[in-house]
Amino acid sequence: MASVSSAAALSSRGARNLLQFLRLVGQLKRVPRTGWVYRNVQKPESVSDHMYRMAVMALVTKDEHLNKDRCVRLALVHDMAECIVGDIAPADNVPKEEKHRREEEAMKQLTQLLPEDLRKELYELWEEYETQSSAEAKFVKQLDQCEMILQASEYEDLENKPGRLQDFYDSTAAPLPLPQTRPSLFLYWTAVITTSCNLPGSLSSSSCMSQCFPPL
């Protein structure tokens, strides 16, 4: 009888912890992307908005050399710590090491609410993205930048102010670590975005399209 009561208590505690986890993650719907806030963009997207579209981009990209399921999971987890620490932007001048420390602590706090197997899975996904230790993590890092410039182009369209957010496009010019065996799928997404939006500068070069792999 006592063992049944203990099991019920454990199950109840696990359910409460899971609900708390989901409530915390739900905060991402209300955490704005700081870069847009600093640029006075009207109705800036949330961190949740950003991660969701990244996950969709991973889902619709086809490459037999990448584990698509893992890419989607990485996209959904990579900014999860921001439900606790917020979106720390470059303009905040927080050292990279300190940003990592805060987010690592937040991920440990967050995943402690989960059963051991899920705790390990989510934390390891986050760590994989942070350390860029796999081809999938490198690809998702590329998607992070692609989604950002797509969002910038949408804000410019909504405000009818082309070029207002050019610095966001320019920030993607720095080379990213790429999988060693494949040309960058980042080039594909960049080419699609810049061609359809007719953006200025090197990002709209047709050479991007010729070097990339189509997703379908």
N, C-alpha and C. Protein backbone atom coordinates (compact mmCIF):
# COMPACT_ATOMS: atom_id res chain seq x y z
N MET A 1 0.83 -1.21 0.00
CA MET A 1 0.00 0.00 0.00
C MET A 1 0.86 1.25 0.00
N ALA A 2 1.94 1.19 0.83
CA ALA A 2 2.84 2.34 0.91
C ALA A 2 3.52 2.58 -0.42
N SER A 3 3.91 1.47 -1.10
CA SER A 3 4.60 1.62 -2.38
C SER A 3 3.68 2.24 -3.43
N VAL A 4 2.40 1.90 -3.38
CA VAL A 4 1.43 2.48 -4.30
C VAL A 4 1.31 3.98 -4.05
N SER A 5 1.25 4.36 -2.78
CA SER A 5 1.16 5.78 -2.42
C SER A 5 2.40 6.53 -2.87
N SER A 6 3.58 5.90 -2.69
CA SER A 6 4.83 6.54 -3.11
C SER A 6 4.86 6.73 -4.62
N ALA A 7 4.41 5.72 -5.35
CA ALA A 7 4.39 5.81 -6.82
C ALA A 7 3.45 6.91 -7.27
N ALA A 8 2.30 7.01 -6.60
CA ALA A 8 1.33 8.04 -6.95
C ALA A 8 1.89 9.43 -6.68
N ALA A 9 2.59 9.55 -5.53
CA ALA A 9 3.19 10.84 -5.18
C ALA A 9 4.27 11.22 -6.19
N LEU A 10 5.08 10.21 -6.59
CA LEU A 10 6.12 10.46 -7.57
C LEU A 10 5.53 10.89 -8.90
N SER A 11 4.46 10.20 -9.31
CA SER A 11 3.80 10.54 -10.57
C SER A 11 3.21 11.94 -10.51
N SER A 12 2.61 12.27 -9.38
CA SER A 12 2.02 13.60 -9.21
C SER A 12 3.09 14.68 -9.26
N ARG A 13 4.22 14.43 -8.60
CA ARG A 13 5.32 15.39 -8.60
C ARG A 13 5.88 15.56 -10.01
N GLY A 14 6.00 14.43 -10.72
CA GLY A 14 6.50 14.50 -12.09
C GLY A 14 5.59 15.31 -12.99
N ALA A 15 4.28 15.15 -12.80
CA ALA A 15 3.31 15.91 -13.60
C ALA A 15 3.41 17.39 -13.29
N ARG A 16 3.56 17.72 -12.00
CA ARG A 16 3.69 19.14 -11.61
C ARG A 16 4.96 19.75 -12.19
N ASN A 17 6.05 18.97 -12.15
CA ASN A 17 7.31 19.46 -12.70
C ASN A 17 7.21 19.68 -14.21
N LEU A 18 6.55 18.75 -14.89
CA LEU A 18 6.39 18.89 -16.34
C LEU A 18 5.56 20.12 -16.67
N LEU A 19 4.51 20.35 -15.89
CA LEU A 19 3.69 21.53 -16.10
C LEU A 19 4.50 22.80 -15.87
N GLN A 20 5.34 22.79 -14.84
CA GLN A 20 6.19 23.95 -14.57
C GLN A 20 7.17 24.18 -15.72
N PHE A 21 7.73 23.07 -16.24
CA PHE A 21 8.63 23.17 -17.39
C PHE A 21 7.93 23.82 -18.58
N LEU A 22 6.72 23.35 -18.87
CA LEU A 22 5.97 23.87 -20.02
C LEU A 22 5.60 25.34 -19.82
N ARG A 23 5.30 25.72 -18.59
CA ARG A 23 5.00 27.13 -18.31
C ARG A 23 6.24 28.00 -18.53
N LEU A 24 7.38 27.50 -18.08
CA LEU A 24 8.62 28.25 -18.28
C LEU A 24 8.94 28.40 -19.76
N VAL A 25 8.86 27.29 -20.49
CA VAL A 25 9.12 27.35 -21.93
C VAL A 25 8.10 28.26 -22.62
N GLY A 26 6.88 28.28 -22.10
CA GLY A 26 5.86 29.16 -22.65
C GLY A 26 6.21 30.63 -22.54
N GLN A 27 7.11 30.96 -21.61
CA GLN A 27 7.55 32.35 -21.49
C GLN A 27 8.22 32.84 -22.77
N LEU A 28 8.77 31.90 -23.55
CA LEU A 28 9.43 32.28 -24.79
C LEU A 28 8.48 32.99 -25.75
N LYS A 29 7.18 32.73 -25.61
CA LYS A 29 6.19 33.43 -26.44
C LYS A 29 6.14 34.92 -26.12
N ARG A 30 6.61 35.26 -24.91
CA ARG A 30 6.52 36.65 -24.45
C ARG A 30 7.88 37.31 -24.28
N VAL A 31 8.94 36.61 -24.68
CA VAL A 31 10.29 37.20 -24.64
C VAL A 31 10.60 37.75 -26.03
N PRO A 32 10.66 39.06 -26.19
CA PRO A 32 10.92 39.62 -27.52
C PRO A 32 12.38 39.44 -27.93
N ARG A 33 12.61 39.37 -29.21
CA ARG A 33 13.98 39.32 -29.74
C ARG A 33 14.58 40.72 -29.58
N THR A 34 15.60 40.80 -28.75
CA THR A 34 16.12 42.09 -28.30
C THR A 34 16.64 42.96 -29.43
N GLY A 35 17.25 42.35 -30.43
CA GLY A 35 17.79 43.14 -31.54
C GLY A 35 16.74 44.00 -32.21
N TRP A 36 15.55 43.45 -32.38
CA TRP A 36 14.46 44.22 -33.01
C TRP A 36 13.94 45.31 -32.06
N VAL A 37 13.92 45.00 -30.77
CA VAL A 37 13.47 46.00 -29.79
C VAL A 37 14.40 47.21 -29.83
N TYR A 38 15.70 46.96 -29.87
CA TYR A 38 16.67 48.05 -29.88
C TYR A 38 16.57 48.90 -31.15
N ARG A 39 16.04 48.31 -32.22
CA ARG A 39 15.87 49.06 -33.47
C ARG A 39 14.47 49.62 -33.61
N ASN A 40 13.70 49.58 -32.53
CA ASN A 40 12.35 50.16 -32.50
C ASN A 40 11.42 49.58 -33.57
N VAL A 41 11.57 48.28 -33.81
CA VAL A 41 10.66 47.59 -34.72
C VAL A 41 9.30 47.44 -34.03
N GLN A 42 8.24 47.72 -34.77
CA GLN A 42 6.91 47.58 -34.20
C GLN A 42 6.53 46.10 -34.09
N LYS A 43 5.97 45.73 -32.97
CA LYS A 43 5.54 44.35 -32.71
C LYS A 43 6.66 43.35 -33.03
N PRO A 44 7.79 43.45 -32.33
CA PRO A 44 8.91 42.53 -32.61
C PRO A 44 8.54 41.08 -32.31
N GLU A 45 9.12 40.19 -33.08
CA GLU A 45 8.87 38.77 -32.88
C GLU A 45 9.36 38.31 -31.51
N SER A 46 8.84 37.19 -31.07
CA SER A 46 9.31 36.57 -29.83
C SER A 46 10.39 35.53 -30.15
N VAL A 47 11.09 35.11 -29.11
CA VAL A 47 12.08 34.04 -29.28
C VAL A 47 11.39 32.78 -29.79
N SER A 48 10.20 32.52 -29.30
CA SER A 48 9.44 31.35 -29.74
C SER A 48 9.13 31.43 -31.23
N ASP A 49 8.74 32.60 -31.71
CA ASP A 49 8.48 32.80 -33.15
C ASP A 49 9.71 32.41 -33.96
N HIS A 50 10.85 32.91 -33.51
CA HIS A 50 12.12 32.69 -34.21
C HIS A 50 12.47 31.20 -34.27
N MET A 51 12.38 30.52 -33.13
CA MET A 51 12.74 29.11 -33.09
C MET A 51 11.79 28.25 -33.91
N TYR A 52 10.51 28.61 -33.89
CA TYR A 52 9.53 27.82 -34.65
C TYR A 52 9.84 27.86 -36.14
N ARG A 53 10.09 29.06 -36.66
CA ARG A 53 10.35 29.12 -38.11
C ARG A 53 11.68 28.45 -38.46
N MET A 54 12.66 28.56 -37.58
CA MET A 54 13.90 27.82 -37.81
C MET A 54 13.63 26.33 -37.92
N ALA A 55 12.78 25.81 -37.04
CA ALA A 55 12.45 24.39 -37.06
C ALA A 55 11.76 24.01 -38.37
N VAL A 56 10.88 24.88 -38.85
CA VAL A 56 10.20 24.62 -40.13
C VAL A 56 11.20 24.66 -41.28
N MET A 57 12.13 25.59 -41.24
CA MET A 57 13.16 25.66 -42.28
C MET A 57 13.98 24.37 -42.31
N ALA A 58 14.31 23.86 -41.12
CA ALA A 58 15.04 22.59 -41.05
C ALA A 58 14.19 21.45 -41.60
N LEU A 59 12.90 21.50 -41.32
CA LEU A 59 11.99 20.44 -41.75
C LEU A 59 11.87 20.37 -43.26
N VAL A 60 11.88 21.51 -43.95
CA VAL A 60 11.65 21.51 -45.40
C VAL A 60 12.95 21.49 -46.20
N THR A 61 14.07 21.40 -45.51
CA THR A 61 15.36 21.29 -46.20
C THR A 61 15.74 19.83 -46.32
N LYS A 62 16.05 19.40 -47.53
CA LYS A 62 16.40 18.00 -47.75
C LYS A 62 17.88 17.87 -48.02
N ASP A 63 18.55 17.07 -47.21
CA ASP A 63 19.96 16.77 -47.44
C ASP A 63 20.26 15.43 -46.79
N GLU A 64 20.62 14.46 -47.60
CA GLU A 64 20.82 13.10 -47.09
C GLU A 64 22.01 13.00 -46.15
N HIS A 65 22.87 14.03 -46.14
CA HIS A 65 24.03 14.01 -45.27
C HIS A 65 23.73 14.59 -43.89
N LEU A 66 22.53 15.09 -43.70
CA LEU A 66 22.15 15.66 -42.41
C LEU A 66 20.99 14.87 -41.81
N ASN A 67 20.97 14.76 -40.51
CA ASN A 67 19.87 14.13 -39.80
C ASN A 67 18.80 15.21 -39.57
N LYS A 68 17.76 15.18 -40.41
CA LYS A 68 16.74 16.23 -40.37
C LYS A 68 16.06 16.31 -39.00
N ASP A 69 15.73 15.15 -38.45
CA ASP A 69 15.06 15.13 -37.14
C ASP A 69 15.92 15.83 -36.09
N ARG A 70 17.21 15.58 -36.13
CA ARG A 70 18.10 16.23 -35.15
C ARG A 70 18.18 17.73 -35.38
N CYS A 71 18.17 18.14 -36.65
CA CYS A 71 18.18 19.58 -36.96
C CYS A 71 16.95 20.27 -36.38
N VAL A 72 15.79 19.65 -36.54
CA VAL A 72 14.55 20.23 -36.00
C VAL A 72 14.64 20.32 -34.48
N ARG A 73 15.14 19.27 -33.85
CA ARG A 73 15.27 19.28 -32.39
C ARG A 73 16.24 20.36 -31.92
N LEU A 74 17.35 20.49 -32.61
CA LEU A 74 18.32 21.53 -32.25
C LEU A 74 17.71 22.92 -32.38
N ALA A 75 16.95 23.13 -33.44
CA ALA A 75 16.31 24.43 -33.65
C ALA A 75 15.34 24.76 -32.52
N LEU A 76 14.62 23.74 -32.04
CA LEU A 76 13.63 23.96 -30.99
C LEU A 76 14.25 24.15 -29.61
N VAL A 77 15.50 23.73 -29.44
CA VAL A 77 16.14 23.78 -28.13
C VAL A 77 17.16 24.92 -28.02
N HIS A 78 17.72 25.37 -29.14
CA HIS A 78 18.94 26.19 -29.09
C HIS A 78 18.80 27.47 -28.28
N ASP A 79 17.63 28.10 -28.25
CA ASP A 79 17.42 29.33 -27.47
C ASP A 79 16.51 29.11 -26.26
N MET A 80 16.33 27.87 -25.86
CA MET A 80 15.37 27.57 -24.79
C MET A 80 15.73 28.24 -23.47
N ALA A 81 17.02 28.41 -23.20
CA ALA A 81 17.45 29.03 -21.94
C ALA A 81 16.96 30.46 -21.81
N GLU A 82 16.58 31.07 -22.92
CA GLU A 82 16.17 32.47 -22.89
C GLU A 82 14.82 32.67 -22.20
N CYS A 83 14.12 31.58 -21.91
CA CYS A 83 12.89 31.72 -21.12
C CYS A 83 13.21 32.15 -19.70
N ILE A 84 14.46 31.97 -19.28
CA ILE A 84 14.90 32.37 -17.95
C ILE A 84 15.81 33.59 -17.99
N VAL A 85 16.78 33.61 -18.91
CA VAL A 85 17.77 34.70 -18.92
C VAL A 85 17.41 35.83 -19.88
N GLY A 86 16.40 35.61 -20.74
CA GLY A 86 16.07 36.61 -21.74
C GLY A 86 16.99 36.52 -22.94
N ASP A 87 16.71 37.32 -23.96
CA ASP A 87 17.50 37.33 -25.19
C ASP A 87 18.64 38.32 -25.02
N ILE A 88 19.85 37.81 -24.83
CA ILE A 88 21.03 38.65 -24.64
C ILE A 88 21.61 38.96 -26.01
N ALA A 89 21.50 40.20 -26.43
CA ALA A 89 21.94 40.62 -27.76
C ALA A 89 23.38 41.13 -27.72
N PRO A 90 24.08 41.14 -28.87
CA PRO A 90 25.43 41.70 -28.91
C PRO A 90 25.50 43.12 -28.35
N ALA A 91 24.44 43.91 -28.58
CA ALA A 91 24.42 45.29 -28.10
C ALA A 91 24.41 45.38 -26.58
N ASP A 92 24.11 44.29 -25.90
CA ASP A 92 24.12 44.29 -24.43
C ASP A 92 25.53 44.25 -23.86
N ASN A 93 26.51 43.95 -24.73
CA ASN A 93 27.92 43.93 -24.33
C ASN A 93 28.20 42.96 -23.18
N VAL A 94 27.49 41.85 -23.18
CA VAL A 94 27.77 40.79 -22.20
C VAL A 94 28.84 39.89 -22.81
N PRO A 95 29.96 39.66 -22.11
CA PRO A 95 31.00 38.79 -22.66
C PRO A 95 30.45 37.42 -23.03
N LYS A 96 31.00 36.85 -24.08
CA LYS A 96 30.53 35.56 -24.58
C LYS A 96 30.54 34.49 -23.48
N GLU A 97 31.61 34.48 -22.68
CA GLU A 97 31.73 33.48 -21.63
C GLU A 97 30.64 33.64 -20.57
N GLU A 98 30.32 34.90 -20.25
CA GLU A 98 29.28 35.16 -19.26
C GLU A 98 27.91 34.79 -19.80
N LYS A 99 27.67 35.09 -21.07
CA LYS A 99 26.40 34.71 -21.70
C LYS A 99 26.23 33.20 -21.65
N HIS A 100 27.30 32.49 -21.99
CA HIS A 100 27.25 31.02 -21.97
C HIS A 100 26.98 30.52 -20.55
N ARG A 101 27.65 31.12 -19.56
CA ARG A 101 27.48 30.69 -18.17
C ARG A 101 26.02 30.84 -17.73
N ARG A 102 25.44 31.99 -18.04
CA ARG A 102 24.04 32.24 -17.65
C ARG A 102 23.10 31.25 -18.32
N GLU A 103 23.31 31.02 -19.60
CA GLU A 103 22.42 30.13 -20.33
C GLU A 103 22.60 28.67 -19.91
N GLU A 104 23.84 28.30 -19.61
CA GLU A 104 24.09 26.94 -19.13
C GLU A 104 23.39 26.70 -17.80
N GLU A 105 23.49 27.67 -16.91
CA GLU A 105 22.82 27.57 -15.61
C GLU A 105 21.30 27.48 -15.79
N ALA A 106 20.78 28.27 -16.72
CA ALA A 106 19.34 28.26 -16.98
C ALA A 106 18.90 26.91 -17.54
N MET A 107 19.69 26.34 -18.44
CA MET A 107 19.32 25.04 -19.01
C MET A 107 19.34 23.94 -17.95
N LYS A 108 20.30 24.02 -17.05
CA LYS A 108 20.34 23.02 -15.97
C LYS A 108 19.12 23.17 -15.07
N GLN A 109 18.77 24.41 -14.77
CA GLN A 109 17.59 24.68 -13.94
C GLN A 109 16.32 24.19 -14.64
N LEU A 110 16.23 24.45 -15.92
CA LEU A 110 15.04 24.09 -16.70
C LEU A 110 14.90 22.58 -16.83
N THR A 111 15.97 21.92 -17.20
CA THR A 111 15.90 20.48 -17.46
C THR A 111 15.79 19.65 -16.18
N GLN A 112 16.11 20.24 -15.04
CA GLN A 112 15.94 19.53 -13.77
C GLN A 112 14.48 19.16 -13.52
N LEU A 113 13.59 19.84 -14.21
CA LEU A 113 12.16 19.58 -14.05
C LEU A 113 11.70 18.35 -14.84
N LEU A 114 12.58 17.79 -15.64
CA LEU A 114 12.21 16.69 -16.53
C LEU A 114 12.72 15.35 -16.02
N PRO A 115 12.13 14.25 -16.46
CA PRO A 115 12.68 12.93 -16.16
C PRO A 115 14.11 12.83 -16.68
N GLU A 116 14.88 11.95 -16.10
CA GLU A 116 16.32 11.90 -16.37
C GLU A 116 16.64 11.75 -17.85
N ASP A 117 15.91 10.89 -18.57
CA ASP A 117 16.24 10.68 -19.98
C ASP A 117 16.00 11.94 -20.81
N LEU A 118 14.88 12.62 -20.54
CA LEU A 118 14.59 13.86 -21.27
C LEU A 118 15.53 14.97 -20.86
N ARG A 119 15.86 15.02 -19.58
CA ARG A 119 16.81 16.02 -19.07
C ARG A 119 18.13 15.92 -19.83
N LYS A 120 18.61 14.70 -19.97
CA LYS A 120 19.88 14.45 -20.65
C LYS A 120 19.77 14.82 -22.13
N GLU A 121 18.67 14.43 -22.76
CA GLU A 121 18.50 14.69 -24.19
C GLU A 121 18.48 16.19 -24.49
N LEU A 122 17.68 16.96 -23.76
CA LEU A 122 17.56 18.39 -24.04
C LEU A 122 18.85 19.13 -23.74
N TYR A 123 19.47 18.77 -22.62
CA TYR A 123 20.72 19.47 -22.28
C TYR A 123 21.80 19.16 -23.30
N GLU A 124 21.89 17.92 -23.74
CA GLU A 124 22.92 17.56 -24.71
C GLU A 124 22.67 18.21 -26.07
N LEU A 125 21.41 18.37 -26.46
CA LEU A 125 21.09 19.09 -27.69
C LEU A 125 21.56 20.54 -27.59
N TRP A 126 21.25 21.18 -26.47
CA TRP A 126 21.67 22.57 -26.27
C TRP A 126 23.19 22.68 -26.31
N GLU A 127 23.87 21.77 -25.64
CA GLU A 127 25.33 21.79 -25.58
C GLU A 127 25.93 21.54 -26.96
N GLU A 128 25.32 20.65 -27.73
CA GLU A 128 25.78 20.36 -29.09
C GLU A 128 25.73 21.62 -29.96
N TYR A 129 24.64 22.37 -29.82
CA TYR A 129 24.52 23.62 -30.58
C TYR A 129 25.54 24.64 -30.11
N GLU A 130 25.70 24.78 -28.81
CA GLU A 130 26.63 25.76 -28.25
C GLU A 130 28.07 25.48 -28.69
N THR A 131 28.46 24.22 -28.69
CA THR A 131 29.83 23.86 -29.04
C THR A 131 30.03 23.65 -30.54
N GLN A 132 28.91 23.67 -31.30
CA GLN A 132 28.97 23.45 -32.74
C GLN A 132 29.73 22.17 -33.07
N SER A 133 29.36 21.11 -32.37
CA SER A 133 30.13 19.87 -32.44
C SER A 133 29.63 18.87 -33.48
N SER A 134 28.66 19.25 -34.29
CA SER A 134 28.15 18.34 -35.32
C SER A 134 27.78 19.12 -36.57
N ALA A 135 27.67 18.40 -37.68
CA ALA A 135 27.24 19.05 -38.93
C ALA A 135 25.84 19.64 -38.77
N GLU A 136 24.99 18.94 -38.02
CA GLU A 136 23.63 19.43 -37.81
C GLU A 136 23.63 20.73 -37.01
N ALA A 137 24.48 20.81 -36.00
CA ALA A 137 24.56 22.04 -35.20
C ALA A 137 25.06 23.21 -36.03
N LYS A 138 26.02 22.94 -36.89
CA LYS A 138 26.54 24.00 -37.77
C LYS A 138 25.47 24.47 -38.75
N PHE A 139 24.71 23.52 -39.27
CA PHE A 139 23.63 23.88 -40.19
C PHE A 139 22.56 24.72 -39.50
N VAL A 140 22.18 24.33 -38.29
CA VAL A 140 21.16 25.07 -37.56
C VAL A 140 21.67 26.47 -37.20
N LYS A 141 22.95 26.61 -36.96
CA LYS A 141 23.54 27.94 -36.74
C LYS A 141 23.36 28.79 -37.99
N GLN A 142 23.51 28.18 -39.15
CA GLN A 142 23.28 28.89 -40.41
C GLN A 142 21.82 29.30 -40.54
N LEU A 143 20.92 28.39 -40.17
CA LEU A 143 19.50 28.71 -40.22
C LEU A 143 19.16 29.87 -39.29
N ASP A 144 19.84 29.95 -38.17
CA ASP A 144 19.63 31.03 -37.21
C ASP A 144 19.84 32.38 -37.90
N GLN A 145 20.89 32.47 -38.70
CA GLN A 145 21.17 33.72 -39.41
C GLN A 145 20.21 33.92 -40.58
N CYS A 146 19.90 32.84 -41.28
CA CYS A 146 18.95 32.95 -42.40
C CYS A 146 17.59 33.44 -41.94
N GLU A 147 17.12 32.89 -40.83
CA GLU A 147 15.81 33.30 -40.32
C GLU A 147 15.84 34.77 -39.92
N MET A 148 16.98 35.21 -39.39
CA MET A 148 17.10 36.61 -38.98
C MET A 148 17.00 37.55 -40.17
N ILE A 149 17.69 37.23 -41.28
CA ILE A 149 17.63 38.16 -42.42
C ILE A 149 16.27 38.09 -43.12
N LEU A 150 15.63 36.92 -43.06
CA LEU A 150 14.27 36.83 -43.59
C LEU A 150 13.33 37.72 -42.77
N GLN A 151 13.49 37.68 -41.45
CA GLN A 151 12.65 38.51 -40.59
C GLN A 151 12.94 39.99 -40.82
N ALA A 152 14.20 40.33 -41.00
CA ALA A 152 14.56 41.73 -41.27
C ALA A 152 13.90 42.22 -42.55
N SER A 153 13.90 41.36 -43.58
CA SER A 153 13.28 41.76 -44.85
C SER A 153 11.78 41.96 -44.69
N GLU A 154 11.16 41.14 -43.85
CA GLU A 154 9.72 41.28 -43.61
C GLU A 154 9.40 42.58 -42.88
N TYR A 155 10.23 42.92 -41.90
CA TYR A 155 10.00 44.18 -41.18
C TYR A 155 10.17 45.38 -42.11
N GLU A 156 11.16 45.31 -42.99
CA GLU A 156 11.35 46.42 -43.94
C GLU A 156 10.15 46.53 -44.87
N ASP A 157 9.61 45.40 -45.29
CA ASP A 157 8.42 45.42 -46.15
C ASP A 157 7.22 46.01 -45.41
N LEU A 158 7.03 45.59 -44.16
CA LEU A 158 5.89 46.06 -43.38
C LEU A 158 5.97 47.57 -43.13
N GLU A 159 7.18 48.07 -42.93
CA GLU A 159 7.36 49.50 -42.66
C GLU A 159 7.60 50.30 -43.93
N ASN A 160 7.73 49.58 -45.06
CA ASN A 160 8.04 50.22 -46.34
C ASN A 160 9.30 51.09 -46.22
N LYS A 161 10.33 50.50 -45.59
CA LYS A 161 11.59 51.20 -45.39
C LYS A 161 12.75 50.28 -45.78
N PRO A 162 12.92 50.07 -47.09
CA PRO A 162 14.01 49.19 -47.53
C PRO A 162 15.36 49.71 -47.07
N GLY A 163 16.19 48.80 -46.59
CA GLY A 163 17.53 49.18 -46.16
C GLY A 163 17.63 49.61 -44.71
N ARG A 164 16.50 49.77 -44.02
CA ARG A 164 16.57 50.26 -42.64
C ARG A 164 17.30 49.28 -41.72
N LEU A 165 17.22 48.01 -42.04
CA LEU A 165 17.84 47.00 -41.18
C LEU A 165 19.03 46.33 -41.87
N GLN A 166 19.69 47.08 -42.74
CA GLN A 166 20.80 46.54 -43.52
C GLN A 166 21.89 45.93 -42.63
N ASP A 167 22.09 46.50 -41.45
CA ASP A 167 23.16 45.99 -40.59
C ASP A 167 22.91 44.54 -40.18
N PHE A 168 21.64 44.12 -40.16
CA PHE A 168 21.36 42.72 -39.84
C PHE A 168 21.81 41.81 -40.99
N TYR A 169 21.60 42.27 -42.23
CA TYR A 169 22.10 41.49 -43.37
C TYR A 169 23.63 41.45 -43.34
N ASP A 170 24.22 42.61 -43.08
CA ASP A 170 25.68 42.70 -43.09
C ASP A 170 26.31 41.79 -42.03
N SER A 171 25.61 41.60 -40.93
CA SER A 171 26.18 40.79 -39.85
C SER A 171 26.31 39.33 -40.23
N THR A 172 25.65 38.91 -41.31
CA THR A 172 25.76 37.51 -41.76
C THR A 172 26.92 37.32 -42.72
N ALA A 173 27.65 38.39 -43.01
CA ALA A 173 28.73 38.28 -44.00
C ALA A 173 29.92 37.50 -43.46
N ALA A 174 30.10 37.48 -42.13
CA ALA A 174 31.21 36.74 -41.55
C ALA A 174 31.03 35.25 -41.80
N PRO A 175 32.10 34.56 -42.20
CA PRO A 175 31.96 33.13 -42.49
C PRO A 175 31.61 32.33 -41.24
N LEU A 176 30.76 31.32 -41.43
CA LEU A 176 30.36 30.43 -40.35
C LEU A 176 31.09 29.10 -40.49
N PRO A 177 31.28 28.38 -39.38
CA PRO A 177 31.83 27.03 -39.50
C PRO A 177 30.87 26.17 -40.32
N LEU A 178 31.39 25.47 -41.29
CA LEU A 178 30.53 24.68 -42.18
C LEU A 178 30.86 23.20 -42.07
N PRO A 179 29.89 22.34 -42.34
CA PRO A 179 30.20 20.92 -42.43
C PRO A 179 31.29 20.70 -43.48
N GLN A 180 32.21 19.81 -43.20
CA GLN A 180 33.38 19.65 -44.06
C GLN A 180 33.07 18.99 -45.40
N THR A 181 31.98 18.23 -45.46
CA THR A 181 31.75 17.42 -46.66
C THR A 181 30.74 18.02 -47.62
N ARG A 182 30.15 19.16 -47.28
CA ARG A 182 29.10 19.70 -48.13
C ARG A 182 29.25 21.20 -48.30
N PRO A 183 28.91 21.74 -49.49
CA PRO A 183 28.78 23.19 -49.60
C PRO A 183 27.68 23.67 -48.67
N SER A 184 27.68 24.94 -48.37
CA SER A 184 26.79 25.46 -47.34
C SER A 184 25.34 25.57 -47.80
N LEU A 185 24.45 24.89 -47.10
CA LEU A 185 23.03 25.07 -47.34
C LEU A 185 22.58 26.46 -46.94
N PHE A 186 23.40 27.11 -46.11
CA PHE A 186 23.16 28.51 -45.77
C PHE A 186 23.09 29.35 -47.04
N LEU A 187 23.93 29.01 -48.01
CA LEU A 187 23.92 29.75 -49.28
C LEU A 187 22.59 29.61 -49.99
N TYR A 188 21.99 28.43 -49.88
CA TYR A 188 20.69 28.24 -50.52
C TYR A 188 19.65 29.17 -49.93
N TRP A 189 19.53 29.13 -48.62
CA TRP A 189 18.51 29.95 -47.97
C TRP A 189 18.79 31.43 -48.17
N THR A 190 20.07 31.82 -48.10
CA THR A 190 20.41 33.22 -48.33
C THR A 190 20.02 33.64 -49.74
N ALA A 191 20.31 32.78 -50.70
CA ALA A 191 19.97 33.11 -52.08
C ALA A 191 18.46 33.21 -52.28
N VAL A 192 17.72 32.29 -51.70
CA VAL A 192 16.26 32.33 -51.81
C VAL A 192 15.72 33.62 -51.23
N ILE A 193 16.17 33.96 -50.03
CA ILE A 193 15.68 35.16 -49.35
C ILE A 193 16.06 36.42 -50.11
N THR A 194 17.34 36.52 -50.47
CA THR A 194 17.80 37.76 -51.10
C THR A 194 17.27 37.92 -52.52
N THR A 195 17.11 36.81 -53.24
CA THR A 195 16.56 36.90 -54.59
C THR A 195 15.10 37.34 -54.56
N SER A 196 14.33 36.74 -53.65
CA SER A 196 12.90 37.08 -53.59
C SER A 196 12.68 38.47 -53.04
N CYS A 197 13.60 38.92 -52.18
CA CYS A 197 13.43 40.24 -51.57
C CYS A 197 14.22 41.32 -52.31
N ASN A 198 15.06 40.89 -53.28
CA ASN A 198 15.86 41.83 -54.06
C ASN A 198 16.70 42.72 -53.15
N LEU A 199 17.40 42.09 -52.21
CA LEU A 199 18.20 42.85 -51.27
C LEU A 199 19.49 43.32 -51.92
N PRO A 200 20.08 44.41 -51.41
CA PRO A 200 21.32 44.93 -51.97
C PRO A 200 22.52 44.14 -51.49
N GLY A 201 23.67 44.39 -52.13
CA GLY A 201 24.93 43.89 -51.63
C GLY A 201 25.26 42.49 -52.07
N SER A 202 26.36 41.97 -51.46
CA SER A 202 26.90 40.69 -51.89
C SER A 202 25.96 39.53 -51.61
N LEU A 203 25.07 39.67 -50.64
CA LEU A 203 24.17 38.57 -50.31
C LEU A 203 23.26 38.19 -51.47
N SER A 204 22.99 39.15 -52.37
CA SER A 204 22.07 38.85 -53.46
C SER A 204 22.78 38.34 -54.71
N SER A 205 24.05 38.07 -54.59
CA SER A 205 24.81 37.59 -55.74
C SER A 205 24.26 36.27 -56.25
N SER A 206 24.14 36.15 -57.57
CA SER A 206 23.61 34.91 -58.14
C SER A 206 24.58 33.76 -57.93
N SER A 207 25.84 34.06 -57.60
CA SER A 207 26.80 32.98 -57.36
C SER A 207 26.40 32.14 -56.16
N CYS A 208 25.66 32.75 -55.22
CA CYS A 208 25.18 31.99 -54.06
C CYS A 208 24.34 30.82 -54.53
N MET A 209 23.39 31.09 -55.42
CA MET A 209 22.46 30.06 -55.85
C MET A 209 23.18 28.92 -56.57
N SER A 210 24.22 29.25 -57.32
CA SER A 210 24.90 28.22 -58.10
C SER A 210 25.72 27.29 -57.22
N GLN A 211 26.03 27.71 -55.99
CA GLN A 211 26.87 26.90 -55.12
C GLN A 211 26.08 26.05 -54.13
N CYS A 212 24.78 26.24 -54.08
CA CYS A 212 24.01 25.59 -53.03
C CYS A 212 23.19 24.42 -53.55
N PHE A 213 22.66 23.68 -52.61
CA PHE A 213 21.83 22.53 -52.94
C PHE A 213 20.37 22.86 -52.71
N PRO A 214 19.49 22.56 -53.66
CA PRO A 214 18.07 22.80 -53.44
C PRO A 214 17.54 21.88 -52.36
N PRO A 215 16.50 22.34 -51.62
CA PRO A 215 15.99 21.55 -50.51
C PRO A 215 15.09 20.41 -50.93
N LEU A 216 14.55 20.43 -52.12
CA LEU A 216 13.56 19.42 -52.50
C LEU A 216 14.02 18.65 -53.73
